[in-house]
Amino acid sequence: MERRVLGRTGRSVSIVGLGTWQLGADWGDVDEVGAIDVLAAATEAGVTLFDTADVYGDGRSEQLIGRFLREHPGSGVTVATKMGRRAAQVPENYVLANFREWNDRSRRDLGVDRLDLVQLHCPPTSVITGAEVYDALDTMVDEGRVANYGVSVETVEEGLAAVRRPGVASVQIILNAFRQKPLEEFLPAALAAGVGVLARVPLASGLLSGRYDENTVFDPSDHRAFNRHGEAFDVGETFAGVDYKVGVEAAREFAALSDHPARLALRWVIDQPGVTTVIPGARNRAQVTDNVAAAAAPSLGTATAAAIRDLYDRRIRALVHHRW
């Protein structure tokens, strides 16, 4: 699989990574055997980046990755985890003492002495734009707790603030055919600064796969059932913030562009200048295979790219572009 350098980390990672939120919680149940099998299928297919967080399943996702790494030494996987949501998301909680506590837990769960990459997990805007948090993160690097740090953001403005910080190695942001605002300023700025970009929610929580319709029922434990209006966290994380009915209708039009709409959606993200890796989730081997196929797919032609942009402009832009 093609690899790209993950910004200031200097690490070479696969252009298709694996998001592991679903192995922890909020996507319905994935048992431990199935979760380990997903991780194995990913590495067998050439995936070399796992993205996780300390709160996914209250550490379950990190623990499963840690078990997999112990059972597969030398796998060459870069693990990007996150911290900052084990306490209320208020500026006063983003301090070195808390960082050390959360870091200790993640290192135990992952079974490593030093984290490859730790990302602030969508902190308040004032944290991202201030200077104090980066001093604390620099200290974490100096202490050998983390090799690199980055920021996971909700908005383009937050992403732009993060890439201006010299110690930020990477920024994670929502980017998909239904969330195109990052193309305008953020991706060019990240590319110019040499900051890596992890593109999350690339399938708009599955909408762009074309598998769902107005009658689809999601498990009550799935955020696509309980967070459609932002009841639990930022609504932009669920269906990319698009109203479900509108999203299903637009997704039908998107699916008509390809025999493999999910593959098309992922390839669209990969093709955007400045993107390092796209991190779709997977609940089984078949989904891993489908995701990885995007890496070998040809780049989009001009006509297809124009059709995706036209769909966004007509159906989606007015709903999301101004919000994130």
Protein backbone atom coordinates (compact mmCIF):
# COMPACT_ATOMS: atom_id res chain seq x y z
CA MET A 1 0.00 0.00 0.00
CA GLU A 2 1.16 3.54 -0.70
CA ARG A 3 2.60 5.34 2.29
CA ARG A 4 2.96 9.00 3.13
CA VAL A 5 4.94 10.80 5.82
CA LEU A 6 2.75 11.74 8.77
CA GLY A 7 3.80 15.35 9.02
CA ARG A 8 6.36 16.29 11.64
CA THR A 9 6.41 12.79 13.11
CA GLY A 10 8.62 11.72 10.22
CA ARG A 11 6.83 8.35 10.26
CA SER A 12 5.71 6.73 7.03
CA VAL A 13 2.12 5.44 7.32
CA SER A 14 -0.36 3.77 5.00
CA ILE A 15 -2.75 6.04 3.12
CA VAL A 16 -5.62 3.97 4.53
CA GLY A 17 -5.46 3.57 8.29
CA LEU A 18 -7.93 2.08 10.74
CA GLY A 19 -10.17 4.03 13.08
CA THR A 20 -10.94 1.98 16.17
CA TRP A 21 -13.73 3.88 17.91
CA GLN A 22 -16.06 1.05 16.90
CA LEU A 23 -13.91 -1.50 18.72
CA GLY A 24 -14.48 0.36 21.97
CA ALA A 25 -18.03 1.65 22.02
CA ASP A 26 -20.84 3.66 20.42
CA TRP A 27 -21.20 1.56 17.24
CA GLY A 28 -23.02 -1.46 18.63
CA ASP A 29 -21.22 -4.46 20.08
CA VAL A 30 -18.00 -5.91 18.65
CA ASP A 31 -16.72 -8.85 20.69
CA GLU A 32 -13.06 -9.24 21.60
CA VAL A 33 -12.33 -12.03 19.14
CA GLY A 34 -13.91 -10.05 16.32
CA ALA A 35 -12.03 -6.91 17.29
CA ILE A 36 -8.64 -8.67 17.27
CA ASP A 37 -9.52 -10.18 13.91
CA VAL A 38 -10.24 -6.71 12.50
CA LEU A 39 -6.82 -5.50 13.66
CA ALA A 40 -5.15 -8.55 12.14
CA ALA A 41 -6.99 -8.15 8.85
CA ALA A 42 -5.91 -4.54 8.66
CA THR A 43 -2.22 -5.23 9.15
CA GLU A 44 -2.35 -8.16 6.74
CA ALA A 45 -3.72 -5.74 4.15
CA GLY A 46 -0.90 -3.25 4.68
CA VAL A 47 -2.46 -0.85 7.19
CA THR A 48 0.22 0.68 9.41
CA LEU A 49 -1.76 3.26 11.41
CA PHE A 50 -4.38 2.63 14.10
CA ASP A 51 -6.27 5.60 15.51
CA THR A 52 -7.81 5.25 18.96
CA ALA A 53 -8.57 7.23 22.14
CA ASP A 54 -8.42 6.66 25.87
CA VAL A 55 -12.21 7.03 26.16
CA TYR A 56 -13.24 4.59 23.44
CA GLY A 57 -15.02 2.00 25.57
CA ASP A 58 -13.35 3.51 28.65
CA GLY A 59 -10.00 2.19 27.41
CA ARG A 60 -11.24 -1.00 25.72
CA SER A 61 -10.05 0.06 22.29
CA GLU A 62 -6.55 0.85 23.56
CA GLN A 63 -6.45 -2.42 25.51
CA LEU A 64 -7.38 -4.45 22.45
CA ILE A 65 -4.71 -2.72 20.39
CA GLY A 66 -2.21 -3.33 23.18
CA ARG A 67 -3.06 -7.03 23.19
CA PHE A 68 -2.72 -7.20 19.43
CA LEU A 69 0.68 -5.49 19.49
CA ARG A 70 1.94 -7.92 22.14
CA GLU A 71 0.76 -10.87 20.07
CA HIS A 72 2.21 -9.41 16.84
CA PRO A 73 5.62 -7.94 17.68
CA GLY A 74 7.27 -6.12 14.85
CA SER A 75 3.98 -5.28 13.15
CA GLY A 76 5.26 -1.81 12.30
CA VAL A 77 1.98 -0.17 13.32
CA THR A 78 1.94 3.47 14.40
CA VAL A 79 -0.69 4.04 17.10
CA ALA A 80 -2.28 7.46 17.31
CA THR A 81 -4.30 7.84 20.48
CA LYS A 82 -6.10 10.80 22.06
CA MET A 83 -6.58 12.34 25.47
CA GLY A 84 -8.66 15.08 27.02
CA ARG A 85 -12.16 13.68 27.36
CA ARG A 86 -11.75 11.87 30.67
CA ALA A 87 -12.82 15.10 32.36
CA ALA A 88 -15.10 18.00 31.55
CA GLN A 89 -14.00 19.82 28.40
CA VAL A 90 -13.12 23.08 30.12
CA PRO A 91 -9.81 24.91 29.67
CA GLU A 92 -8.67 24.45 33.26
CA ASN A 93 -8.54 20.67 32.82
CA TYR A 94 -5.96 20.79 30.03
CA VAL A 95 -2.94 20.91 32.31
CA LEU A 96 0.24 18.89 32.69
CA ALA A 97 -0.85 17.00 35.82
CA ASN A 98 -3.93 15.65 34.03
CA PHE A 99 -1.93 14.92 30.89
CA ARG A 100 0.49 12.78 32.89
CA GLU A 101 -2.36 10.88 34.54
CA TRP A 102 -4.13 10.21 31.24
CA ASN A 103 -0.83 9.34 29.58
CA ASP A 104 0.02 6.81 32.29
CA ARG A 105 -3.30 5.09 31.69
CA SER A 106 -2.88 4.99 27.90
CA ARG A 107 0.64 3.64 28.15
CA ARG A 108 -0.57 0.88 30.47
CA ASP A 109 -3.50 0.01 28.23
CA LEU A 110 -1.36 -0.02 25.08
CA GLY A 111 1.56 -1.76 26.81
CA VAL A 112 4.18 0.75 25.69
CA ASP A 113 6.65 3.04 27.41
CA ARG A 114 6.16 5.89 24.97
CA LEU A 115 3.16 6.78 22.82
CA ASP A 116 3.83 7.20 19.10
CA LEU A 117 1.37 10.07 18.77
CA VAL A 118 -1.06 11.57 21.26
CA GLN A 119 -3.73 13.98 20.08
CA LEU A 120 -5.77 16.41 22.13
CA HIS A 121 -9.29 15.06 21.74
CA CYS A 122 -11.34 17.95 20.34
CA PRO A 123 -10.62 20.40 23.18
CA PRO A 124 -12.29 23.81 23.53
CA THR A 125 -11.23 26.36 20.94
CA SER A 126 -9.51 28.52 23.57
CA VAL A 127 -7.23 25.60 24.46
CA ILE A 128 -6.14 25.20 20.84
CA THR A 129 -5.53 28.91 20.32
CA GLY A 130 -3.67 29.44 23.61
CA ALA A 131 0.00 28.79 24.29
CA GLU A 132 -0.07 27.03 27.68
CA VAL A 133 -1.26 23.65 26.47
CA TYR A 134 1.62 23.36 23.99
CA ASP A 135 4.16 24.04 26.75
CA ALA A 136 2.67 21.10 28.66
CA LEU A 137 2.75 18.88 25.57
CA ASP A 138 6.38 19.84 24.92
CA THR A 139 7.15 18.76 28.47
CA MET A 140 5.52 15.39 27.76
CA VAL A 141 7.86 14.94 24.80
CA ASP A 142 10.87 16.01 26.86
CA GLU A 143 9.95 13.46 29.54
CA GLY A 144 9.86 10.68 26.94
CA ARG A 145 6.18 9.97 27.52
CA VAL A 146 5.18 10.71 23.92
CA ALA A 147 7.16 10.84 20.71
CA ASN A 148 4.86 13.34 19.00
CA TYR A 149 1.66 15.24 19.63
CA GLY A 150 -1.19 16.56 17.54
CA VAL A 151 -4.70 17.94 17.81
CA SER A 152 -8.05 16.50 16.81
CA VAL A 153 -10.37 19.37 15.90
CA GLU A 154 -14.01 20.01 15.13
CA THR A 155 -13.67 23.13 12.97
CA VAL A 156 -11.47 24.45 10.19
CA GLU A 157 -10.63 27.49 12.30
CA GLU A 158 -9.32 25.25 15.08
CA GLY A 159 -7.30 23.29 12.53
CA LEU A 160 -5.72 26.45 11.18
CA ALA A 161 -4.76 27.54 14.70
CA ALA A 162 -3.18 24.15 15.40
CA VAL A 163 -1.03 24.00 12.27
CA ARG A 164 0.55 27.31 13.24
CA ARG A 165 2.06 25.77 16.38
CA PRO A 166 5.62 24.53 15.72
CA GLY A 167 5.33 21.41 17.88
CA VAL A 168 2.11 20.11 16.34
CA ALA A 169 2.94 17.08 14.22
CA SER A 170 -0.54 16.32 12.93
CA VAL A 171 -4.14 17.46 12.90
CA GLN A 172 -7.16 15.19 12.71
CA ILE A 173 -10.27 16.62 11.09
CA ILE A 174 -13.56 15.45 9.59
CA LEU A 175 -13.25 15.33 5.82
CA ASN A 176 -15.54 13.60 3.37
CA ALA A 177 -17.66 14.28 0.29
CA PHE A 178 -20.32 15.76 2.61
CA ARG A 179 -17.80 17.90 4.59
CA GLN A 180 -15.67 19.74 2.05
CA LYS A 181 -14.85 22.98 3.83
CA PRO A 182 -11.33 21.81 4.84
CA LEU A 183 -10.35 21.86 1.16
CA GLU A 184 -10.46 25.65 0.99
CA GLU A 185 -7.92 26.80 3.58
CA PHE A 186 -7.05 24.05 6.01
CA LEU A 187 -5.48 21.44 3.74
CA PRO A 188 -3.30 23.98 1.89
CA ALA A 189 -2.15 25.42 5.24
CA ALA A 190 -1.31 21.98 6.66
CA LEU A 191 0.57 21.02 3.50
CA ALA A 192 2.58 24.24 3.56
CA ALA A 193 3.43 23.79 7.25
CA GLY A 194 4.44 20.14 6.89
CA VAL A 195 1.72 19.02 9.30
CA GLY A 196 0.18 15.59 8.81
CA VAL A 197 -3.57 15.24 8.31
CA LEU A 198 -5.68 12.32 9.54
CA ALA A 199 -9.08 12.45 7.84
CA ARG A 200 -11.79 11.01 10.06
CA VAL A 201 -15.49 10.20 9.44
CA PRO A 202 -14.63 9.67 5.75
CA LEU A 203 -17.85 7.76 5.04
CA ALA A 204 -20.07 10.20 6.94
CA SER A 205 -20.81 7.49 9.52
CA GLY A 206 -21.62 5.05 6.75
CA LEU A 207 -23.97 7.26 4.73
CA LEU A 208 -21.57 7.36 1.80
CA SER A 209 -21.43 3.58 1.66
CA GLY A 210 -24.96 3.60 0.25
CA ARG A 211 -26.06 0.84 2.64
CA TYR A 212 -28.63 2.81 4.62
CA ASP A 213 -32.12 4.08 3.85
CA GLU A 214 -34.99 5.78 5.64
CA ASN A 215 -35.99 2.50 7.32
CA THR A 216 -32.59 1.55 8.71
CA VAL A 217 -32.67 0.96 12.47
CA PHE A 218 -29.41 1.36 14.40
CA ASP A 219 -28.63 -0.36 17.67
CA PRO A 220 -29.51 1.86 20.68
CA SER A 221 -25.81 1.77 21.70
CA ASP A 222 -24.80 3.19 18.31
CA HIS A 223 -24.18 6.94 18.20
CA ARG A 224 -26.07 7.01 14.90
CA ALA A 225 -29.16 6.31 16.99
CA PHE A 226 -28.50 8.46 20.06
CA ASN A 227 -26.50 11.46 18.79
CA ARG A 228 -28.35 12.62 15.69
CA HIS A 229 -28.98 16.02 17.27
CA GLY A 230 -25.80 16.28 19.31
CA GLU A 231 -27.27 14.82 22.49
CA ALA A 232 -23.98 13.24 23.62
CA PHE A 233 -21.21 15.09 21.72
CA ASP A 234 -20.72 17.32 18.71
CA VAL A 235 -23.38 16.45 16.13
CA GLY A 236 -20.82 16.83 13.38
CA GLU A 237 -19.35 13.47 14.42
CA THR A 238 -22.59 11.70 13.46
CA PHE A 239 -23.41 11.56 9.74
CA ALA A 240 -20.98 14.51 9.38
CA GLY A 241 -23.69 16.74 10.83
CA VAL A 242 -26.05 16.17 7.90
CA ASP A 243 -29.72 15.58 8.65
CA TYR A 244 -30.27 11.84 8.22
CA LYS A 245 -33.14 12.06 5.74
CA VAL A 246 -31.29 14.56 3.58
CA GLY A 247 -28.13 12.51 3.87
CA VAL A 248 -29.80 9.31 2.72
CA GLU A 249 -31.25 11.07 -0.31
CA ALA A 250 -27.92 12.67 -1.20
CA ALA A 251 -26.12 9.37 -0.61
CA ARG A 252 -28.31 7.69 -3.23
CA GLU A 253 -27.14 10.24 -5.74
CA PHE A 254 -23.54 9.72 -4.63
CA ALA A 255 -23.88 5.93 -4.94
CA ALA A 256 -25.04 6.30 -8.54
CA LEU A 257 -21.54 7.56 -9.41
CA SER A 258 -19.85 4.21 -8.75
CA ASP A 259 -20.41 0.49 -8.37
CA HIS A 260 -18.42 0.82 -5.13
CA PRO A 261 -19.59 4.02 -3.39
CA ALA A 262 -17.60 3.46 -0.18
CA ARG A 263 -14.44 2.95 -2.19
CA LEU A 264 -15.22 6.11 -4.16
CA ALA A 265 -15.76 8.08 -0.95
CA LEU A 266 -12.44 6.98 0.51
CA ARG A 267 -10.55 7.55 -2.74
CA TRP A 268 -11.99 11.07 -2.91
CA VAL A 269 -10.41 11.80 0.48
CA ILE A 270 -7.08 10.19 -0.42
CA ASP A 271 -6.87 12.30 -3.57
CA GLN A 272 -7.05 15.62 -1.71
CA PRO A 273 -3.62 17.34 -1.56
CA GLY A 274 -2.46 17.57 2.05
CA VAL A 275 -4.18 14.41 3.32
CA THR A 276 -1.77 11.90 4.85
CA THR A 277 -4.12 9.07 5.74
CA VAL A 278 -7.83 8.35 5.90
CA ILE A 279 -9.05 6.42 8.96
CA PRO A 280 -12.33 4.59 8.31
CA GLY A 281 -13.55 2.16 10.92
CA ALA A 282 -14.35 -1.49 10.33
CA ARG A 283 -16.34 -4.04 12.30
CA ASN A 284 -15.25 -7.15 10.38
CA ARG A 285 -12.77 -8.44 7.79
CA ALA A 286 -15.04 -7.70 4.87
CA GLN A 287 -15.21 -4.03 5.80
CA VAL A 288 -11.43 -3.90 6.16
CA THR A 289 -11.08 -5.36 2.67
CA ASP A 290 -13.53 -2.85 1.24
CA ASN A 291 -11.72 0.06 2.89
CA VAL A 292 -8.25 -1.00 1.81
CA ALA A 293 -9.41 -1.43 -1.78
CA ALA A 294 -9.59 2.37 -2.00
CA ALA A 295 -5.80 2.54 -1.77
CA ALA A 296 -5.44 0.58 -5.01
CA ALA A 297 -8.29 2.32 -6.81
CA PRO A 298 -7.38 4.87 -9.50
CA SER A 299 -7.59 8.55 -8.71
CA LEU A 300 -10.89 10.16 -9.54
CA GLY A 301 -11.39 11.53 -13.01
CA THR A 302 -12.28 15.17 -13.55
CA ALA A 303 -15.91 14.43 -14.33
CA THR A 304 -16.46 12.36 -11.19
CA ALA A 305 -14.74 14.91 -8.97
CA ALA A 306 -16.91 17.64 -10.48
CA ALA A 307 -20.06 15.60 -9.90
CA ILE A 308 -19.17 15.13 -6.24
CA ARG A 309 -18.57 18.83 -5.83
CA ASP A 310 -21.87 19.64 -7.57
CA LEU A 311 -23.74 17.25 -5.26
CA TYR A 312 -22.18 18.90 -2.23
CA ASP A 313 -23.03 22.38 -3.46
CA ARG A 314 -26.64 21.50 -4.26
CA ARG A 315 -27.61 19.24 -1.38
CA ILE A 316 -25.19 19.61 1.52
CA ARG A 317 -23.25 22.88 1.59
CA ALA A 318 -25.99 25.02 3.11
CA LEU A 319 -26.41 22.54 5.99
CA VAL A 320 -22.81 22.16 7.16
CA HIS A 321 -20.36 24.51 5.49
CA HIS A 322 -20.91 27.44 7.86
CA ARG A 323 -20.92 25.29 10.99
CA TRP A 324 -17.54 23.57 10.96
